[in-house]
């Protein structure tokens, strides 16, 4: 399988925003992919960004969370497990690696999955481990991604 993807990042987001060399230059930008709505991007607030816009760290965590969701749903569909609701509160931590460079150190997925009454809860939980191993995005990063699922019946 070989899929190719294309995205764009456009800066400045607004021609009236502050520009370098001004140290308060705007970090605001637009993220897009062909045929899709634009997403407002910036840097984290700690690095001069706009708190109302997505930053790269959040987008990375969202990609990991969504990849796990979609992989998990595909697996539950094959096993005929009825998933009623899925809500993941993912957390991440920045820090310095052994070389002293800033990087994402760890991301923890906290999916809370509601399944139909009568579902084999152990099988539903076990599929999280399989989805975690199969997630394309999770397999592409060089930091720890943990998965701490909770399964409940409706």
Protein backbone atom coordinates (compact mmCIF):
# COMPACT_ATOMS: atom_id res chain seq x y z
CA UNK A 1 0.00 0.00 0.00
CA UNK A 2 1.42 3.36 -1.00
CA UNK A 3 -0.66 6.47 -0.44
CA UNK A 4 0.59 9.98 -0.96
CA UNK A 5 -0.69 13.03 0.87
CA UNK A 6 -0.31 16.75 0.28
CA UNK A 7 -0.78 19.61 2.73
CA UNK A 8 0.02 23.32 2.76
CA UNK A 9 1.07 25.76 5.45
CA UNK A 10 0.61 29.43 4.56
CA UNK A 11 2.12 32.34 6.48
CA UNK A 12 1.38 35.15 7.12
CA UNK A 13 -2.22 34.39 8.00
CA UNK A 14 -2.99 38.09 7.77
CA UNK A 15 -0.97 40.67 5.84
CA UNK A 16 -1.42 43.17 8.70
CA UNK A 17 0.24 40.94 11.31
CA UNK A 18 3.65 41.74 12.76
CA UNK A 19 6.56 40.40 10.73
CA UNK A 20 10.19 39.53 11.55
CA UNK A 21 12.55 41.02 12.61
CA UNK A 22 9.98 42.23 15.20
CA UNK A 23 10.39 39.73 18.08
CA UNK A 24 6.61 39.81 18.55
CA UNK A 25 6.06 38.62 14.96
CA UNK A 26 2.87 36.67 14.46
CA UNK A 27 3.09 32.91 14.52
CA UNK A 28 -0.42 32.65 13.01
CA UNK A 29 -0.72 30.57 9.87
CA UNK A 30 -3.22 28.54 7.85
CA UNK A 31 -3.06 24.78 7.41
CA UNK A 32 -4.83 23.17 4.48
CA UNK A 33 -5.12 20.16 2.24
CA UNK A 34 -6.63 20.12 -1.24
CA UNK A 35 -10.42 20.28 -1.16
CA UNK A 36 -10.65 20.68 2.64
CA UNK A 37 -11.37 23.63 4.93
CA UNK A 38 -8.45 25.59 6.30
CA UNK A 39 -7.37 25.16 9.92
CA UNK A 40 -6.09 28.10 11.96
CA UNK A 41 -2.57 27.32 13.19
CA UNK A 42 -0.07 29.02 15.47
CA UNK A 43 2.61 28.07 17.99
CA UNK A 44 1.96 27.26 21.65
CA UNK A 45 1.32 30.31 23.84
CA UNK A 46 4.68 29.75 25.57
CA UNK A 47 6.34 30.45 22.21
CA UNK A 48 4.30 33.53 21.31
CA UNK A 49 1.33 31.78 19.72
CA UNK A 50 -2.38 32.43 19.69
CA UNK A 51 -4.26 30.23 22.19
CA UNK A 52 -7.33 30.15 19.90
CA UNK A 53 -5.41 28.37 17.11
CA UNK A 54 -4.11 24.80 16.92
CA UNK A 55 -0.39 24.35 17.51
CA UNK A 56 1.85 21.58 16.08
CA UNK A 57 1.93 19.69 19.37
CA UNK A 58 -1.87 19.55 19.54
CA UNK A 59 -2.09 18.52 15.89
CA UNK A 60 0.40 15.71 16.48
CA UNK A 61 -1.60 14.47 19.45
CA UNK A 62 -4.83 14.73 17.45
CA UNK A 63 -3.26 12.68 14.64
CA UNK A 64 -2.24 9.96 17.11
CA UNK A 65 -5.67 9.96 18.75
CA UNK A 66 -7.60 9.90 15.48
CA UNK A 67 -5.40 7.18 14.00
CA UNK A 68 -6.05 5.01 17.05
CA UNK A 69 -9.79 5.73 16.86
CA UNK A 70 -10.06 4.79 13.18
CA UNK A 71 -7.90 1.68 13.58
CA UNK A 72 -9.93 0.59 16.62
CA UNK A 73 -13.26 1.15 14.85
CA UNK A 74 -12.09 -0.86 11.84
CA UNK A 75 -11.11 -3.73 14.12
CA UNK A 76 -14.34 -3.64 16.13
CA UNK A 77 -16.37 -3.60 12.90
CA UNK A 78 -14.60 -6.77 11.73
CA UNK A 79 -15.33 -8.42 15.11
CA UNK A 80 -18.99 -7.23 15.00
CA UNK A 81 -18.56 -5.21 18.22
CA UNK A 82 -21.09 -2.37 18.40
CA UNK A 83 -19.33 0.82 19.53
CA UNK A 84 -21.89 3.40 20.64
CA UNK A 85 -19.57 6.27 21.66
CA UNK A 86 -15.83 7.02 21.74
CA UNK A 87 -14.22 9.92 23.57
CA UNK A 88 -10.45 10.25 23.88
CA UNK A 89 -8.77 12.81 26.13
CA UNK A 90 -5.17 12.62 24.94
CA UNK A 91 -2.35 14.23 26.91
CA UNK A 92 1.22 14.94 25.89
CA UNK A 93 4.45 16.09 27.45
CA UNK A 94 7.31 18.13 26.00
CA UNK A 95 10.81 17.84 27.39
CA UNK A 96 14.47 17.62 26.51
CA UNK A 97 15.85 14.40 25.06
CA UNK A 98 19.29 12.91 25.81
CA UNK A 99 20.86 15.30 23.27
CA UNK A 100 19.30 18.28 25.06
CA UNK A 101 16.82 19.01 22.26
CA UNK A 102 13.15 19.77 22.89
CA UNK A 103 10.79 17.08 21.70
CA UNK A 104 7.51 15.39 22.53
CA UNK A 105 8.54 12.90 25.22
CA UNK A 106 5.31 10.99 25.66
CA UNK A 107 1.68 10.96 24.58
CA UNK A 108 -1.01 9.09 26.48
CA UNK A 109 -4.33 8.19 24.88
CA UNK A 110 -7.26 7.91 27.31
CA UNK A 111 -10.09 6.57 25.15
CA UNK A 112 -13.40 6.00 26.93
CA UNK A 113 -15.41 3.66 24.76
CA UNK A 114 -19.07 2.85 25.24
CA UNK A 115 -20.16 -0.45 23.71
CA UNK A 116 -23.58 -2.08 23.43
CA UNK A 117 -24.85 -4.10 26.39
CA UNK A 118 -23.78 -7.72 26.18
CA UNK A 119 -20.46 -6.96 24.46
CA UNK A 120 -17.44 -9.01 25.50
CA UNK A 121 -15.64 -6.24 27.41
CA UNK A 122 -12.31 -8.08 27.51
CA UNK A 123 -12.33 -8.48 23.72
CA UNK A 124 -13.24 -4.79 23.29
CA UNK A 125 -10.33 -3.87 25.59
CA UNK A 126 -7.90 -6.27 23.88
CA UNK A 127 -8.63 -4.68 20.51
CA UNK A 128 -7.17 -1.43 21.88
CA UNK A 129 -3.79 -3.14 22.24
CA UNK A 130 -4.02 -4.46 18.67
CA UNK A 131 -5.12 -1.06 17.33
CA UNK A 132 -2.27 0.57 19.22
CA UNK A 133 0.24 -1.75 17.51
CA UNK A 134 -1.31 -1.19 14.06
CA UNK A 135 -1.76 2.61 14.09
CA UNK A 136 0.27 4.07 11.19
CA UNK A 137 0.89 7.39 12.91
CA UNK A 138 1.88 5.81 16.22
CA UNK A 139 4.33 3.59 14.36
CA UNK A 140 5.92 6.69 12.81
CA UNK A 141 7.01 8.59 15.93
CA UNK A 142 10.16 8.25 18.03
CA UNK A 143 8.59 8.75 21.45
CA UNK A 144 6.44 6.68 23.77
CA UNK A 145 2.73 6.53 22.98
CA UNK A 146 0.73 4.83 25.72
CA UNK A 147 -2.88 3.73 25.58
CA UNK A 148 -5.05 3.59 28.70
CA UNK A 149 -8.55 2.65 27.53
CA UNK A 150 -11.72 2.44 29.56
CA UNK A 151 -14.58 0.30 28.25
CA UNK A 152 -18.14 0.77 29.51
CA UNK A 153 -21.46 -0.79 28.52
CA UNK A 154 -24.53 1.20 27.58
